[in-house]
Each structure stands twice: as C-alpha cells, then as structure tokens.
Amino acid sequence: MSDIRHSFLRRDALSAAKEVLYHLDIYLSSQLQNASLSIGDKGCTELLEEFILQVPKERNCQPKRLNSLQELQLLEIMCNYFQEQSKDSVRQVMFSTIFIPQGNKADDSRMALLGKLVSMAVAVCRVPVLECAATWLQRTPAVYCMRLAKTLVEDYCSLLPGSIQRLKQIFSTSSRFCCQFITAVTALYDLSSDDLVPPNDLLEMVVSWIFEDPRLILIIFLNTPITPNLPIGFLELTPITGLIRWCVKAPLAYKRRKKSSLANGATSGKMVKESTVSMDSDCHALYSKLHLSVLQVLMLLQVHLTEKNLYGRLGLVLFDHVVSLVEEINRLSEELNPLNVAQEMELSLDRLAQALQVAMASGALLCSRDNLRTVCSRLPHNNLLQLVISGPVQQPSHAALPPGFYPHIHTPPLAYPGLPTHPVQTFIPGMTFPYRPIH
C-alpha cells in the first residue's frame, strides 16, 4: 500500500480521491472472491481516511483540502460509483469500509461526508446509495445513526422550504431506508425538550408513510435473521417503541411547548397565537392518526412472531422502555402541574393503556401484569389504564358464554377500596352481555 500511497500524493486532491475509490473497488472485489475479506483492513482504512476524508496520516502534515466544487464533484463520483456497481455485495462492503465509524479522529469527517452523500442520493434518487445507507443504519451504533438522521432533517425540513417533498418521494423507491430513517428520527426526537419535538413537516411525512402502508415499519424485522439476544446500543428492529413514545408524550409535550412560548412572549400577538393553536391542532390530528396505525401494526405482530418462532421469546417493545416512558410522563406532569393538564394527561394515559394492552396481547411486550401494575402505580389515575393493568379474573367456564368471551374485570383499581359485587344480570333477555346494575 505504501507505493500506491506515494503515487496518490503526487496527484491533486480530487484525482487522488477518485483513484482511491478505483483501487479499493479492485482490492475489495478480489478479497470477496477469495473469501478473505476484512472490513477493518488497516491499509484500506488509512488510504480512504487520508485521500477521501482528508485526514492527514502524519501529525505535522497539512492535508490536501477539497474546495466546495471539488467536494461536490467527489460526491457525484461516489453516487455514480454505487449506482453503476452491479454487485450488491461489493457495494455494501465498499460503503461499510468507507463509512463504518472507527472510533478515531476521522469519524467527524466520515460522518460529514456520509450526511452529504445520503442527502444527495435523496435529491437525485440514487436507490443503491439509500439501500447501502439502510444497511449501515442497521450495523452502526445508534448515536451515529441519529447524527445522520439529524443531517437529513436539517437539509430537508429546515434549510429549504418545500424540499420535504424530495424526501417524501423515497417511500416508493427504498422502503428499507424509510423504515430505518423512521427508527432513527424517533430515537432522535424523543420529546424530552422543546428542541426535540419533531418538526411538523417531518411528522406529517412519517404519518403519511405509515398510514399508507403500516407494514413499512416491520420491513427490517420481517427481512432480517433475528436472534432473541439483540445487540445493545444499536437502533431497534422496528420504530414501534419510538412511535408509541411520540403518540403518548405528544399531548403533554406540546402543552409544555405552548407554555414555554407564552412565557417567552412569542405568542403575545393575536395572529401568532391563533397560528400556533391551529398548528398544534393539525399536529394533534396527525398523532391520533399515527396512534391508530401503530395499534394496527401491533395487532399484526402475533402472526409474524409466531412465523419466526419468536413468540414469547422476543419482545419488540421492551419493558425497560415502558419504565422509561412512565418516568418521562411523570416528569412532564410535575413540570406542567397536573391541575392544568388534566385533559392532556387523560389522552396520554388512554393512548398508553391502549398501546400496552395491544402490545401484550400480540406478544410484542413481554411482562407480567404485576410488573406493569408496579410501574404504572406511579402515574395519575386513569380508568382505562386501571382496566389494563388489573387484567381479567379467570372465571369458571359457563355454557351460556360464547367461546373467547372476555369476562368483566372484578379487580378494583389500585388505591381504591373494594366494592361489594352484584350478581350478574342480563340487560335484555336472551343476551349474554353482563353488567352491574346501578342502585
């Protein structure tokens, strides 16, 4: 590699970068054929860091910097390379060799170039680049995935109004990338602060994608060999947990944001205030639509988990994340004063209860009701949530009850005294709908 390096040093920056790509392609292709590939090959890594990422090998050496035009030309060359390389295995290995973080000083340059390359691929619809990026998002620690997601959101939701349409169009060309992108943005925008509330354009796009095809968020799960023990620190297999967090926390998070705006005087004008109310109303409708789609996806999971022989063995909604979500709701409640957010809290807890019930019924959430009861006991009282965490009391089979009958719940809500039970009566003769008469 040293002879090759010296020949590159005599070239200008752009020419050297092109030659590195050419030689890496030949080298990695031959290694794949010989089944002796090592993605962490030191020689390859040093060449691409020095001549593509412009990180000098010697400490006192000044790197050859690409100007803006040369950088754009390099991005075009890379886009065309991945588009024209016919072997997917070579494309994937090349992409990983260039962009998998190495834990060194070149990682900032690596992430900057990756963000620009993927942003260009979205703009000019280079599907092979997006497919490679989807695989990269699966194999890279979540902290780097969120950095890439933030770059794309800034490019398409902040810098140029209306450019979100370009990003929205990739739904029909690279569903794997869309799924991974949703997982990354739900991890990034966790609504823990006003700055981490998803931009309205991003929210509308994600909801439109999922509402049009709810199975989109299961694509990685359905097409990836899975073991019950998933690696820690990487993106989850699906964005389900992040989407549940969005739906549950949204009423309280937007109330907090409105409170902050009022405190800062941002909504002092009548027109601005009306605009903010209208915008929040639109967002709340989108979250309701999203919540329905998430519940529909959860209902599909029992079949898919059973097909993969993972039912009861793999929880796609982790109990630890439920615990964290409950803690976040409590913090929001204390921050906003429960007396002022009764309506928002009721909506948040209703959505939480529905998501928990359907997730447990489908096998996506693996936990006992006792554990769930312990965690949720910290939350304000909510009738629907109490029904979910109490669970049904198993009754003796009754000939008059149809198969699959779900009996009413006798267990009293937590922190409430037990009430005397009444005999089950029939509202209309001949019907088996049990109820308790009011006396």
Foldseek 3Di string as FASTA:
>chain_A
DVVLVVVLVVDALLVSLLVLLVVLLVVQVVCVVVVNDDLVPPVNLQSCLCRVLVDDPDPPDHTRDDDPVSLVVSLVSLLVVLLPPPDLVSSLSSLCSQQADDPDPSNVSSLVSLLVNVLVCLQVVSLSSLVSVLVSQQVHFLVSLLSSLVSNCCVQVPDDPPSVVSVLVCLVPHLSSVFSSLLNLLVQLLLLALVSPDDPSVLVSNLVSCLVPVCSQCVQVLPDQDDQDDDPRHGASGSLLSLLSCLLCVLLSLVVVVVVCVVVVVPVDPVSVVVSVVSSVVSNVSSVSSLVSSLVVLLPQLVSCVVSVCQLRHASHEPVSVLVSLVSLVVSCVVVPVVVCVVSNQSSVLSVLSNVQSNVVSRNYDDALVVVCVSCVPDPDYPSNQDSSQAADDDPDDPPDDPPDGDGHQDDGPPDDHDDADDWDDPDPPDDDTDGDDD
